[in-house]
Amino acid sequence: MQHNVIEAIRKVYMVNQKLDKSKTRIQINDNCEIETIAGWMLETDGTSFKIYLATKDIDLRRTYTNDVVEIFDVFSIDAVRKAIEYKMNHIISFDGSMKRSFKKNILLGQLTKIGTV
């Protein structure tokens, strides 16, 4: 199984979360105080999302892929819709366009209405 995972990865990037503040984790410690945790994170080109999710030591809550075909294969068309909506909120709406959720929902509905990717 690990051999298949390694074959699917084309490039691996080590990201130092101390340098990139957008990738730090925030959690509440034992004293009920908010703390920022910086560490290392792997970003890859190429994924085997289904195999990653079945691997024992992978943090499922923080594992993400932007490959909509793999999201569809692992989850469903509703998960693809949410992934596209997430990316749209971060990419398109930074300048205020598509602020109205009605227009965004129409576009998302058209992209995912037939139930396949």
PDB file of N, CA and C in Angstrom:
ATOM      1  N   MET A   1       0.826  -1.195   0.000  1.00  0.00           N
ATOM      2  CA  MET A   1       0.000   0.000   0.000  1.00  0.00           C
ATOM      3  C   MET A   1       0.870   1.259   0.000  1.00  0.00           C
ATOM      4  N   GLN A   2       1.934   1.298   0.813  1.00  0.00           N
ATOM      5  CA  GLN A   2       2.789   2.476   0.857  1.00  0.00           C
ATOM      6  C   GLN A   2       3.475   2.710  -0.472  1.00  0.00           C
ATOM      7  N   HIS A   3       3.789   1.639  -1.177  1.00  0.00           N
ATOM      8  CA  HIS A   3       4.436   1.777  -2.478  1.00  0.00           C
ATOM      9  C   HIS A   3       3.539   2.542  -3.445  1.00  0.00           C
ATOM     10  N   ASN A   4       2.239   2.276  -3.430  1.00  0.00           N
ATOM     11  CA  ASN A   4       1.295   2.986  -4.290  1.00  0.00           C
ATOM     12  C   ASN A   4       1.208   4.462  -3.942  1.00  0.00           C
ATOM     13  N   VAL A   5       1.259   4.789  -2.662  1.00  0.00           N
ATOM     14  CA  VAL A   5       1.200   6.186  -2.236  1.00  0.00           C
ATOM     15  C   VAL A   5       2.403   6.940  -2.765  1.00  0.00           C
ATOM     16  N   ILE A   6       3.583   6.354  -2.653  1.00  0.00           N
ATOM     17  CA  ILE A   6       4.804   7.023  -3.088  1.00  0.00           C
ATOM     18  C   ILE A   6       4.810   7.211  -4.594  1.00  0.00           C
ATOM     19  N   GLU A   7       4.292   6.258  -5.353  1.00  0.00           N
ATOM     20  CA  GLU A   7       4.245   6.400  -6.805  1.00  0.00           C
ATOM     21  C   GLU A   7       3.347   7.549  -7.240  1.00  0.00           C
ATOM     22  N   ALA A   8       2.283   7.797  -6.521  1.00  0.00           N
ATOM     23  CA  ALA A   8       1.323   8.823  -6.924  1.00  0.00           C
ATOM     24  C   ALA A   8       1.814  10.235  -6.631  1.00  0.00           C
ATOM     25  N   ILE A   9       2.773  10.386  -5.731  1.00  0.00           N
ATOM     26  CA  ILE A   9       3.281  11.710  -5.381  1.00  0.00           C
ATOM     27  C   ILE A   9       4.374  12.097  -6.361  1.00  0.00           C
ATOM     28  N   ARG A  10       4.256  13.285  -6.943  1.00  0.00           N
ATOM     29  CA  ARG A  10       5.258  13.765  -7.887  1.00  0.00           C
ATOM     30  C   ARG A  10       6.260  14.703  -7.230  1.00  0.00           C
ATOM     31  N   LYS A  11       5.801  15.606  -6.382  1.00  0.00           N
ATOM     32  CA  LYS A  11       6.678  16.565  -5.702  1.00  0.00           C
ATOM     33  C   LYS A  11       6.230  16.692  -4.259  1.00  0.00           C
ATOM     34  N   VAL A  12       7.176  16.900  -3.370  1.00  0.00           N
ATOM     35  CA  VAL A  12       6.870  17.093  -1.954  1.00  0.00           C
ATOM     36  C   VAL A  12       7.516  18.395  -1.514  1.00  0.00           C
ATOM     37  N   TYR A  13       6.734  19.251  -0.865  1.00  0.00           N
ATOM     38  CA  TYR A  13       7.226  20.524  -0.356  1.00  0.00           C
ATOM     39  C   TYR A  13       7.116  20.512   1.158  1.00  0.00           C
ATOM     40  N   MET A  14       8.194  20.879   1.826  1.00  0.00           N
ATOM     41  CA  MET A  14       8.172  21.027   3.281  1.00  0.00           C
ATOM     42  C   MET A  14       7.854  22.486   3.576  1.00  0.00           C
ATOM     43  N   VAL A  15       6.782  22.746   4.298  1.00  0.00           N
ATOM     44  CA  VAL A  15       6.357  24.104   4.615  1.00  0.00           C
ATOM     45  C   VAL A  15       6.598  24.344   6.094  1.00  0.00           C
ATOM     46  N   ASN A  16       7.399  25.367   6.401  1.00  0.00           N
ATOM     47  CA  ASN A  16       7.638  25.744   7.788  1.00  0.00           C
ATOM     48  C   ASN A  16       6.527  26.688   8.207  1.00  0.00           C
ATOM     49  N   GLN A  17       5.704  26.269   9.138  1.00  0.00           N
ATOM     50  CA  GLN A  17       4.551  27.070   9.530  1.00  0.00           C
ATOM     51  C   GLN A  17       4.952  28.314  10.303  1.00  0.00           C
ATOM     52  N   LYS A  18       6.178  28.384  10.804  1.00  0.00           N
ATOM     53  CA  LYS A  18       6.634  29.607  11.465  1.00  0.00           C
ATOM     54  C   LYS A  18       6.789  30.732  10.452  1.00  0.00           C
ATOM     55  N   LEU A  19       7.158  30.384   9.227  1.00  0.00           N
ATOM     56  CA  LEU A  19       7.353  31.390   8.192  1.00  0.00           C
ATOM     57  C   LEU A  19       6.054  31.745   7.482  1.00  0.00           C
ATOM     58  N   ASP A  20       5.166  30.795   7.340  1.00  0.00           N
ATOM     59  CA  ASP A  20       3.888  31.014   6.662  1.00  0.00           C
ATOM     60  C   ASP A  20       2.783  30.991   7.714  1.00  0.00           C
ATOM     61  N   LYS A  21       2.380  32.161   8.176  1.00  0.00           N
ATOM     62  CA  LYS A  21       1.413  32.266   9.277  1.00  0.00           C
ATOM     63  C   LYS A  21       0.028  31.742   8.908  1.00  0.00           C
ATOM     64  N   SER A  22      -0.290  31.674   7.612  1.00  0.00           N
ATOM     65  CA  SER A  22      -1.613  31.191   7.218  1.00  0.00           C
ATOM     66  C   SER A  22      -1.752  29.682   7.442  1.00  0.00           C
ATOM     67  N   LYS A  23      -0.658  28.999   7.679  1.00  0.00           N
ATOM     68  CA  LYS A  23      -0.701  27.553   7.833  1.00  0.00           C
ATOM     69  C   LYS A  23      -0.454  27.099   9.266  1.00  0.00           C
ATOM     70  N   THR A  24      -0.508  28.025  10.224  1.00  0.00           N
ATOM     71  CA  THR A  24      -0.336  27.643  11.620  1.00  0.00           C
ATOM     72  C   THR A  24      -1.652  27.108  12.180  1.00  0.00           C
ATOM     73  N   ARG A  25      -1.548  26.318  13.236  1.00  0.00           N
ATOM     74  CA  ARG A  25      -2.729  25.775  13.899  1.00  0.00           C
ATOM     75  C   ARG A  25      -3.007  26.577  15.155  1.00  0.00           C
ATOM     76  N   ILE A  26      -4.264  26.760  15.462  1.00  0.00           N
ATOM     77  CA  ILE A  26      -4.676  27.435  16.690  1.00  0.00           C
ATOM     78  C   ILE A  26      -5.459  26.431  17.517  1.00  0.00           C
ATOM     79  N   GLN A  27      -5.087  26.310  18.790  1.00  0.00           N
ATOM     80  CA  GLN A  27      -5.819  25.397  19.662  1.00  0.00           C
ATOM     81  C   GLN A  27      -5.896  25.985  21.059  1.00  0.00           C
ATOM     82  N   ILE A  28      -6.767  25.424  21.865  1.00  0.00           N
ATOM     83  CA  ILE A  28      -6.940  25.860  23.251  1.00  0.00           C
ATOM     84  C   ILE A  28      -6.173  24.885  24.136  1.00  0.00           C
ATOM     85  N   ASN A  29      -5.285  25.426  24.980  1.00  0.00           N
ATOM     86  CA  ASN A  29      -4.468  24.568  25.840  1.00  0.00           C
ATOM     87  C   ASN A  29      -5.226  24.186  27.110  1.00  0.00           C
ATOM     88  N   ASP A  30      -4.546  23.520  28.033  1.00  0.00           N
ATOM     89  CA  ASP A  30      -5.185  23.036  29.264  1.00  0.00           C
ATOM     90  C   ASP A  30      -5.638  24.166  30.182  1.00  0.00           C
ATOM     91  N   ASN A  31      -5.030  25.347  30.056  1.00  0.00           N
ATOM     92  CA  ASN A  31      -5.404  26.504  30.877  1.00  0.00           C
ATOM     93  C   ASN A  31      -6.496  27.343  30.224  1.00  0.00           C
ATOM     94  N   CYS A  32      -7.139  26.809  29.189  1.00  0.00           N
ATOM     95  CA  CYS A  32      -8.199  27.490  28.427  1.00  0.00           C
ATOM     96  C   CYS A  32      -7.694  28.771  27.774  1.00  0.00           C
ATOM     97  N   GLU A  33      -6.454  28.769  27.345  1.00  0.00           N
ATOM     98  CA  GLU A  33      -5.884  29.902  26.617  1.00  0.00           C
ATOM     99  C   GLU A  33      -5.681  29.489  25.167  1.00  0.00           C
ATOM    100  N   ILE A  34      -5.821  30.462  24.284  1.00  0.00           N
ATOM    101  CA  ILE A  34      -5.624  30.197  22.864  1.00  0.00           C
ATOM    102  C   ILE A  34      -4.138  30.292  22.560  1.00  0.00           C
ATOM    103  N   GLU A  35      -3.618  29.274  21.878  1.00  0.00           N
ATOM    104  CA  GLU A  35      -2.206  29.290  21.509  1.00  0.00           C
ATOM    105  C   GLU A  35      -2.053  28.908  20.046  1.00  0.00           C
ATOM    106  N   THR A  36      -1.021  29.478  19.432  1.00  0.00           N
ATOM    107  CA  THR A  36      -0.712  29.190  18.042  1.00  0.00           C
ATOM    108  C   THR A  36       0.410  28.166  18.002  1.00  0.00           C
ATOM    109  N   ILE A  37       0.217  27.132  17.234  1.00  0.00           N
ATOM    110  CA  ILE A  37       1.209  26.072  17.128  1.00  0.00           C
ATOM    111  C   ILE A  37       1.774  26.082  15.716  1.00  0.00           C
ATOM    112  N   ALA A  38       3.080  26.240  15.638  1.00  0.00           N
ATOM    113  CA  ALA A  38       3.757  26.198  14.345  1.00  0.00           C
ATOM    114  C   ALA A  38       4.537  24.899  14.259  1.00  0.00           C
ATOM    115  N   GLY A  39       4.639  24.365  13.098  1.00  0.00           N
ATOM    116  CA  GLY A  39       5.368  23.122  12.897  1.00  0.00           C
ATOM    117  C   GLY A  39       5.658  22.953  11.423  1.00  0.00           C
ATOM    118  N   TRP A  40       5.802  21.740  11.011  1.00  0.00           N
ATOM    119  CA  TRP A  40       6.056  21.444   9.606  1.00  0.00           C
ATOM    120  C   TRP A  40       4.826  20.789   8.997  1.00  0.00           C
ATOM    121  N   MET A  41       4.649  21.022   7.706  1.00  0.00           N
ATOM    122  CA  MET A  41       3.521  20.464   6.992  1.00  0.00           C
ATOM    123  C   MET A  41       4.015  20.005   5.630  1.00  0.00           C
ATOM    124  N   LEU A  42       3.473  18.927   5.121  1.00  0.00           N
ATOM    125  CA  LEU A  42       3.815  18.443   3.788  1.00  0.00           C
ATOM    126  C   LEU A  42       2.750  18.870   2.799  1.00  0.00           C
ATOM    127  N   GLU A  43       3.185  19.446   1.693  1.00  0.00           N
ATOM    128  CA  GLU A  43       2.298  19.716   0.569  1.00  0.00           C
ATOM    129  C   GLU A  43       2.848  18.943  -0.609  1.00  0.00           C
ATOM    130  N   THR A  44       1.968  18.280  -1.345  1.00  0.00           N
ATOM    131  CA  THR A  44       2.419  17.433  -2.441  1.00  0.00           C
ATOM    132  C   THR A  44       1.702  17.786  -3.727  1.00  0.00           C
ATOM    133  N   ASP A  45       2.324  17.456  -4.835  1.00  0.00           N
ATOM    134  CA  ASP A  45       1.666  17.468  -6.136  1.00  0.00           C
ATOM    135  C   ASP A  45       1.359  16.016  -6.463  1.00  0.00           C
ATOM    136  N   GLY A  46       0.115  15.738  -6.720  1.00  0.00           N
ATOM    137  CA  GLY A  46      -0.297  14.363  -6.959  1.00  0.00           C
ATOM    138  C   GLY A  46      -0.759  13.749  -5.657  1.00  0.00           C
ATOM    139  N   THR A  47      -1.888  13.078  -5.698  1.00  0.00           N
ATOM    140  CA  THR A  47      -2.415  12.495  -4.472  1.00  0.00           C
ATOM    141  C   THR A  47      -2.998  11.123  -4.738  1.00  0.00           C
ATOM    142  N   SER A  48      -3.125  10.393  -3.692  1.00  0.00           N
ATOM    143  CA  SER A  48      -3.914   9.157  -3.656  1.00  0.00           C
ATOM    144  C   SER A  48      -4.781   9.288  -2.422  1.00  0.00           C
ATOM    145  N   PHE A  49      -5.780  10.128  -2.514  1.00  0.00           N
ATOM    146  CA  PHE A  49      -6.551  10.572  -1.355  1.00  0.00           C
ATOM    147  C   PHE A  49      -7.180   9.409  -0.594  1.00  0.00           C
ATOM    148  N   LYS A  50      -7.733   8.450  -1.317  1.00  0.00           N
ATOM    149  CA  LYS A  50      -8.388   7.312  -0.666  1.00  0.00           C
ATOM    150  C   LYS A  50      -7.377   6.500   0.147  1.00  0.00           C
ATOM    151  N   ILE A  51      -6.170   6.336  -0.372  1.00  0.00           N
ATOM    152  CA  ILE A  51      -5.126   5.593   0.340  1.00  0.00           C
ATOM    153  C   ILE A  51      -4.655   6.378   1.549  1.00  0.00           C
ATOM    154  N   TYR A  52      -4.519   7.709   1.408  1.00  0.00           N
ATOM    155  CA  TYR A  52      -4.100   8.538   2.544  1.00  0.00           C
ATOM    156  C   TYR A  52      -5.091   8.429   3.696  1.00  0.00           C
ATOM    157  N   LEU A  53      -6.363   8.483   3.386  1.00  0.00           N
ATOM    158  CA  LEU A  53      -7.375   8.432   4.438  1.00  0.00           C
ATOM    159  C   LEU A  53      -7.410   7.077   5.140  1.00  0.00           C
ATOM    160  N   ALA A  54      -6.947   6.038   4.470  1.00  0.00           N
ATOM    161  CA  ALA A  54      -6.911   4.710   5.080  1.00  0.00           C
ATOM    162  C   ALA A  54      -5.623   4.461   5.861  1.00  0.00           C
ATOM    163  N   THR A  55      -4.662   5.379   5.766  1.00  0.00           N
ATOM    164  CA  THR A  55      -3.385   5.214   6.458  1.00  0.00           C
ATOM    165  C   THR A  55      -3.531   5.580   7.927  1.00  0.00           C
ATOM    166  N   LYS A  56      -2.889   4.818   8.791  1.00  0.00           N
ATOM    167  CA  LYS A  56      -3.083   4.926  10.234  1.00  0.00           C
ATOM    168  C   LYS A  56      -2.651   6.275  10.812  1.00  0.00           C
ATOM    169  N   ASP A  57      -1.501   6.793  10.460  1.00  0.00           N
ATOM    170  CA  ASP A  57      -0.937   7.964  11.129  1.00  0.00           C
ATOM    171  C   ASP A  57      -1.279   9.296  10.464  1.00  0.00           C
ATOM    172  N   ILE A  58      -2.211   9.324   9.556  1.00  0.00           N
ATOM    173  CA  ILE A  58      -2.610  10.560   8.880  1.00  0.00           C
ATOM    174  C   ILE A  58      -3.700  11.245   9.696  1.00  0.00           C
ATOM    175  N   ASP A  59      -3.556  12.558   9.907  1.00  0.00           N
ATOM    176  CA  ASP A  59      -4.561  13.342  10.627  1.00  0.00           C
ATOM    177  C   ASP A  59      -5.722  13.627   9.673  1.00  0.00           C
ATOM    178  N   LEU A  60      -6.829  12.940   9.863  1.00  0.00           N
ATOM    179  CA  LEU A  60      -7.957  13.049   8.936  1.00  0.00           C
ATOM    180  C   LEU A  60      -8.622  14.417   8.970  1.00  0.00           C
ATOM    181  N   ARG A  61      -8.577  15.093  10.105  1.00  0.00           N
ATOM    182  CA  ARG A  61      -9.234  16.400  10.214  1.00  0.00           C
ATOM    183  C   ARG A  61      -8.507  17.484   9.421  1.00  0.00           C
ATOM    184  N   ARG A  62      -7.216  17.310   9.196  1.00  0.00           N
ATOM    185  CA  ARG A  62      -6.448  18.341   8.503  1.00  0.00           C
ATOM    186  C   ARG A  62      -5.962  17.889   7.133  1.00  0.00           C
ATOM    187  N   THR A  63      -6.468  16.783   6.634  1.00  0.00           N
ATOM    188  CA  THR A  63      -6.084  16.295   5.316  1.00  0.00           C
ATOM    189  C   THR A  63      -7.058  16.856   4.290  1.00  0.00           C
ATOM    190  N   TYR A  64      -6.510  17.416   3.226  1.00  0.00           N
ATOM    191  CA  TYR A  64      -7.344  18.077   2.223  1.00  0.00           C
ATOM    192  C   TYR A  64      -6.753  17.844   0.842  1.00  0.00           C
ATOM    193  N   THR A  65      -7.603  17.686  -0.140  1.00  0.00           N
ATOM    194  CA  THR A  65      -7.176  17.648  -1.526  1.00  0.00           C
ATOM    195  C   THR A  65      -8.035  18.626  -2.317  1.00  0.00           C
ATOM    196  N   ASN A  66      -7.446  19.207  -3.354  1.00  0.00           N
ATOM    197  CA  ASN A  66      -8.225  20.092  -4.213  1.00  0.00           C
ATOM    198  C   ASN A  66      -8.554  19.412  -5.546  1.00  0.00           C
ATOM    199  N   ASP A  67      -8.338  18.123  -5.627  1.00  0.00           N
ATOM    200  CA  ASP A  67      -8.668  17.344  -6.810  1.00  0.00           C
ATOM    201  C   ASP A  67     -10.129  16.898  -6.701  1.00  0.00           C
ATOM    202  N   VAL A  68     -10.995  17.542  -7.466  1.00  0.00           N
ATOM    203  CA  VAL A  68     -12.432  17.273  -7.330  1.00  0.00           C
ATOM    204  C   VAL A  68     -12.806  15.863  -7.765  1.00  0.00           C
ATOM    205  N   VAL A  69     -12.046  15.276  -8.668  1.00  0.00           N
ATOM    206  CA  VAL A  69     -12.337  13.905  -9.095  1.00  0.00           C
ATOM    207  C   VAL A  69     -12.094  12.937  -7.941  1.00  0.00           C
ATOM    208  N   GLU A  70     -11.005  13.140  -7.212  1.00  0.00           N
ATOM    209  CA  GLU A  70     -10.743  12.274  -6.058  1.00  0.00           C
ATOM    210  C   GLU A  70     -11.744  12.519  -4.938  1.00  0.00           C
ATOM    211  N   ILE A  71     -12.145  13.764  -4.740  1.00  0.00           N
ATOM    212  CA  ILE A  71     -13.174  14.051  -3.737  1.00  0.00           C
ATOM    213  C   ILE A  71     -14.462  13.321  -4.100  1.00  0.00           C
ATOM    214  N   PHE A  72     -14.817  13.337  -5.378  1.00  0.00           N
ATOM    215  CA  PHE A  72     -16.020  12.630  -5.837  1.00  0.00           C
ATOM    216  C   PHE A  72     -15.888  11.123  -5.635  1.00  0.00           C
ATOM    217  N   ASP A  73     -14.719  10.563  -5.960  1.00  0.00           N
ATOM    218  CA  ASP A  73     -14.515   9.119  -5.802  1.00  0.00           C
ATOM    219  C   ASP A  73     -14.604   8.679  -4.346  1.00  0.00           C
ATOM    220  N   VAL A  74     -14.080   9.505  -3.432  1.00  0.00           N
ATOM    221  CA  VAL A  74     -14.042   9.122  -2.024  1.00  0.00           C
ATOM    222  C   VAL A  74     -15.359   9.443  -1.326  1.00  0.00           C
ATOM    223  N   PHE A  75     -15.924  10.612  -1.598  1.00  0.00           N
ATOM    224  CA  PHE A  75     -17.124  11.048  -0.879  1.00  0.00           C
ATOM    225  C   PHE A  75     -18.333  11.052  -1.813  1.00  0.00           C
ATOM    226  N   SER A  76     -18.729  12.193  -2.328  1.00  0.00           N
ATOM    227  CA  SER A  76     -19.887  12.252  -3.219  1.00  0.00           C
ATOM    228  C   SER A  76     -19.889  13.597  -3.933  1.00  0.00           C
ATOM    229  N   ILE A  77     -20.907  13.821  -4.733  1.00  0.00           N
ATOM    230  CA  ILE A  77     -21.026  15.079  -5.465  1.00  0.00           C
ATOM    231  C   ILE A  77     -21.269  16.250  -4.514  1.00  0.00           C
ATOM    232  N   ASP A  78     -21.902  15.997  -3.373  1.00  0.00           N
ATOM    233  CA  ASP A  78     -22.115  17.067  -2.392  1.00  0.00           C
ATOM    234  C   ASP A  78     -20.793  17.553  -1.815  1.00  0.00           C
ATOM    235  N   ALA A  79     -19.858  16.649  -1.608  1.00  0.00           N
ATOM    236  CA  ALA A  79     -18.534  17.043  -1.121  1.00  0.00           C
ATOM    237  C   ALA A  79     -17.786  17.840  -2.185  1.00  0.00           C
ATOM    238  N   VAL A  80     -17.974  17.480  -3.450  1.00  0.00           N
ATOM    239  CA  VAL A  80     -17.364  18.246  -4.542  1.00  0.00           C
ATOM    240  C   VAL A  80     -17.928  19.658  -4.555  1.00  0.00           C
ATOM    241  N   ARG A  81     -19.226  19.773  -4.379  1.00  0.00           N
ATOM    242  CA  ARG A  81     -19.860  21.096  -4.341  1.00  0.00           C
ATOM    243  C   ARG A  81     -19.282  21.948  -3.214  1.00  0.00           C
ATOM    244  N   LYS A  82     -19.113  21.360  -2.031  1.00  0.00           N
ATOM    245  CA  LYS A  82     -18.539  22.092  -0.897  1.00  0.00           C
ATOM    246  C   LYS A  82     -17.091  22.487  -1.165  1.00  0.00           C
ATOM    247  N   ALA A  83     -16.330  21.606  -1.799  1.00  0.00           N
ATOM    248  CA  ALA A  83     -14.930  21.918  -2.106  1.00  0.00           C
ATOM    249  C   ALA A  83     -14.835  23.069  -3.102  1.00  0.00           C
ATOM    250  N   ILE A  84     -15.693  23.055  -4.116  1.00  0.00           N
ATOM    251  CA  ILE A  84     -15.702  24.148  -5.092  1.00  0.00           C
ATOM    252  C   ILE A  84     -16.141  25.443  -4.422  1.00  0.00           C
ATOM    253  N   GLU A  85     -17.143  25.366  -3.566  1.00  0.00           N
ATOM    254  CA  GLU A  85     -17.608  26.551  -2.845  1.00  0.00           C
ATOM    255  C   GLU A  85     -16.501  27.121  -1.956  1.00  0.00           C
ATOM    256  N   TYR A  86     -15.762  26.243  -1.287  1.00  0.00           N
ATOM    257  CA  TYR A  86     -14.651  26.672  -0.429  1.00  0.00           C
ATOM    258  C   TYR A  86     -13.600  27.421  -1.245  1.00  0.00           C
ATOM    259  N   LYS A  87     -13.226  26.863  -2.390  1.00  0.00           N
ATOM    260  CA  LYS A  87     -12.229  27.521  -3.241  1.00  0.00           C
ATOM    261  C   LYS A  87     -12.773  28.820  -3.824  1.00  0.00           C
ATOM    262  N   MET A  88     -14.044  28.834  -4.205  1.00  0.00           N
ATOM    263  CA  MET A  88     -14.639  30.062  -4.740  1.00  0.00           C
ATOM    264  C   MET A  88     -14.618  31.171  -3.705  1.00  0.00           C
ATOM    265  N   ASN A  89     -14.912  30.842  -2.462  1.00  0.00           N
ATOM    266  CA  ASN A  89     -14.898  31.854  -1.407  1.00  0.00           C
ATOM    267  C   ASN A  89     -13.514  32.437  -1.208  1.00  0.00           C
ATOM    268  N   HIS A  90     -12.483  31.646  -1.416  1.00  0.00           N
ATOM    269  CA  HIS A  90     -11.123  32.130  -1.207  1.00  0.00           C
ATOM    270  C   HIS A  90     -10.516  32.777  -2.448  1.00  0.00           C
ATOM    271  N   ILE A  91     -10.962  32.424  -3.620  1.00  0.00           N
ATOM    272  CA  ILE A  91     -10.345  32.936  -4.844  1.00  0.00           C
ATOM    273  C   ILE A  91     -11.167  34.043  -5.491  1.00  0.00           C
ATOM    274  N   ILE A  92     -12.432  33.795  -5.750  1.00  0.00           N
ATOM    275  CA  ILE A  92     -13.239  34.732  -6.528  1.00  0.00           C
ATOM    276  C   ILE A  92     -13.757  35.892  -5.696  1.00  0.00           C
ATOM    277  N   SER A  93     -14.197  35.641  -4.498  1.00  0.00           N
ATOM    278  CA  SER A  93     -14.903  36.679  -3.753  1.00  0.00           C
ATOM    279  C   SER A  93     -13.999  37.617  -2.963  1.00  0.00           C
ATOM    280  N   PHE A  94     -12.700  37.603  -3.199  1.00  0.00           N
ATOM    281  CA  PHE A  94     -11.825  38.508  -2.453  1.00  0.00           C
ATOM    282  C   PHE A  94     -12.088  39.968  -2.796  1.00  0.00           C
ATOM    283  N   ASP A  95     -12.600  40.253  -3.971  1.00  0.00           N
ATOM    284  CA  ASP A  95     -12.853  41.638  -4.366  1.00  0.00           C
ATOM    285  C   ASP A  95     -14.321  42.033  -4.215  1.00  0.00           C
ATOM    286  N   GLY A  96     -15.121  41.195  -3.607  1.00  0.00           N
ATOM    287  CA  GLY A  96     -16.521  41.515  -3.380  1.00  0.00           C
ATOM    288  C   GLY A  96     -17.460  40.947  -4.425  1.00  0.00           C
ATOM    289  N   SER A  97     -16.927  40.403  -5.512  1.00  0.00           N
ATOM    290  CA  SER A  97     -17.806  39.799  -6.505  1.00  0.00           C
ATOM    291  C   SER A  97     -18.350  38.490  -5.953  1.00  0.00           C
ATOM    292  N   MET A  98     -19.496  38.113  -6.420  1.00  0.00           N
ATOM    293  CA  MET A  98     -20.193  36.905  -5.972  1.00  0.00           C
ATOM    294  C   MET A  98     -20.448  36.923  -4.477  1.00  0.00           C
ATOM    295  N   LYS A  99     -20.735  38.087  -3.956  1.00  0.00           N
ATOM    296  CA  LYS A  99     -21.011  38.178  -2.533  1.00  0.00           C
ATOM    297  C   LYS A  99     -22.344  37.536  -2.194  1.00  0.00           C
ATOM    298  N   ARG A 100     -23.271  37.657  -3.090  1.00  0.00           N
ATOM    299  CA  ARG A 100     -24.591  37.106  -2.836  1.00  0.00           C
ATOM    300  C   ARG A 100     -24.560  35.590  -3.008  1.00  0.00           C
ATOM    301  N   SER A 101     -25.014  34.911  -1.998  1.00  0.00           N
ATOM    302  CA  SER A 101     -24.959  33.452  -2.033  1.00  0.00           C
ATOM    303  C   SER A 101     -25.933  32.871  -3.060  1.00  0.00           C
ATOM    304  N   PHE A 102     -26.977  33.624  -3.437  1.00  0.00           N
ATOM    305  CA  PHE A 102     -27.932  33.138  -4.425  1.00  0.00           C
ATOM    306  C   PHE A 102     -27.239  32.893  -5.763  1.00  0.00           C
ATOM    307  N   LYS A 103     -26.433  33.853  -6.209  1.00  0.00           N
ATOM    308  CA  LYS A 103     -25.720  33.698  -7.481  1.00  0.00           C
ATOM    309  C   LYS A 103     -24.706  32.561  -7.400  1.00  0.00           C
ATOM    310  N   LYS A 104     -24.033  32.480  -6.280  1.00  0.00           N
ATOM    311  CA  LYS A 104     -23.043  31.427  -6.101  1.00  0.00           C
ATOM    312  C   LYS A 104     -23.717  30.058  -6.101  1.00  0.00           C
ATOM    313  N   ASN A 105     -24.869  29.952  -5.461  1.00  0.00           N
ATOM    314  CA  ASN A 105     -25.586  28.679  -5.423  1.00  0.00           C
ATOM    315  C   ASN A 105     -26.090  28.263  -6.795  1.00  0.00           C
ATOM    316  N   ILE A 106     -26.487  29.228  -7.613  1.00  0.00           N
ATOM    317  CA  ILE A 106     -26.898  28.901  -8.987  1.00  0.00           C
ATOM    318  C   ILE A 106     -25.713  28.342  -9.760  1.00  0.00           C
ATOM    319  N   LEU A 107     -24.557  28.992  -9.650  1.00  0.00           N
ATOM    320  CA  LEU A 107     -23.364  28.520 -10.344  1.00  0.00           C
ATOM    321  C   LEU A 107     -22.948  27.134  -9.847  1.00  0.00           C
ATOM    322  N   LEU A 108     -22.948  26.944  -8.545  1.00  0.00           N
ATOM    323  CA  LEU A 108     -22.586  25.634  -7.993  1.00  0.00           C
ATOM    324  C   LEU A 108     -23.587  24.564  -8.411  1.00  0.00           C
ATOM    325  N   GLY A 109     -24.853  24.927  -8.463  1.00  0.00           N
ATOM    326  CA  GLY A 109     -25.872  23.982  -8.909  1.00  0.00           C
ATOM    327  C   GLY A 109     -25.664  23.557 -10.347  1.00  0.00           C
ATOM    328  N   GLN A 110     -25.291  24.504 -11.202  1.00  0.00           N
ATOM    329  CA  GLN A 110     -25.037  24.178 -12.603  1.00  0.00           C
ATOM    330  C   GLN A 110     -23.795  23.298 -12.759  1.00  0.00           C
ATOM    331  N   LEU A 111     -22.784  23.551 -11.937  1.00  0.00           N
ATOM    332  CA  LEU A 111     -21.556  22.761 -12.031  1.00  0.00           C
ATOM    333  C   LEU A 111     -21.754  21.321 -11.571  1.00  0.00           C
ATOM    334  N   THR A 112     -22.674  21.100 -10.640  1.00  0.00           N
ATOM    335  CA  THR A 112     -22.807  19.764 -10.040  1.00  0.00           C
ATOM    336  C   THR A 112     -24.176  19.127 -10.257  1.00  0.00           C
ATOM    337  N   LYS A 113     -25.009  19.670 -11.147  1.00  0.00           N
ATOM    338  CA  LYS A 113     -26.393  19.197 -11.254  1.00  0.00           C
ATOM    339  C   LYS A 113     -26.542  17.790 -11.817  1.00  0.00           C
ATOM    340  N   ILE A 114     -25.627  17.342 -12.659  1.00  0.00           N
ATOM    341  CA  ILE A 114     -25.814  16.013 -13.241  1.00  0.00           C
ATOM    342  C   ILE A 114     -25.290  14.897 -12.341  1.00  0.00           C
ATOM    343  N   GLY A 115     -24.613  15.268 -11.247  1.00  0.00           N
ATOM    344  CA  GLY A 115     -24.192  14.267 -10.274  1.00  0.00           C
ATOM    345  C   GLY A 115     -22.881  13.586 -10.568  1.00  0.00           C
ATOM    346  N   THR A 116     -22.166  14.045 -11.592  1.00  0.00           N
ATOM    347  CA  THR A 116     -20.835  13.504 -11.874  1.00  0.00           C
ATOM    348  C   THR A 116     -19.878  14.662 -12.107  1.00  0.00           C
ATOM    349  N   VAL A 117     -18.606  14.338 -12.051  1.00  0.00           N
ATOM    350  CA  VAL A 117     -17.587  15.369 -12.271  1.00  0.00           C
ATOM    351  C   VAL A 117     -17.069  15.239 -13.676  1.00  0.00           C
TER     352      VAL A 117
END
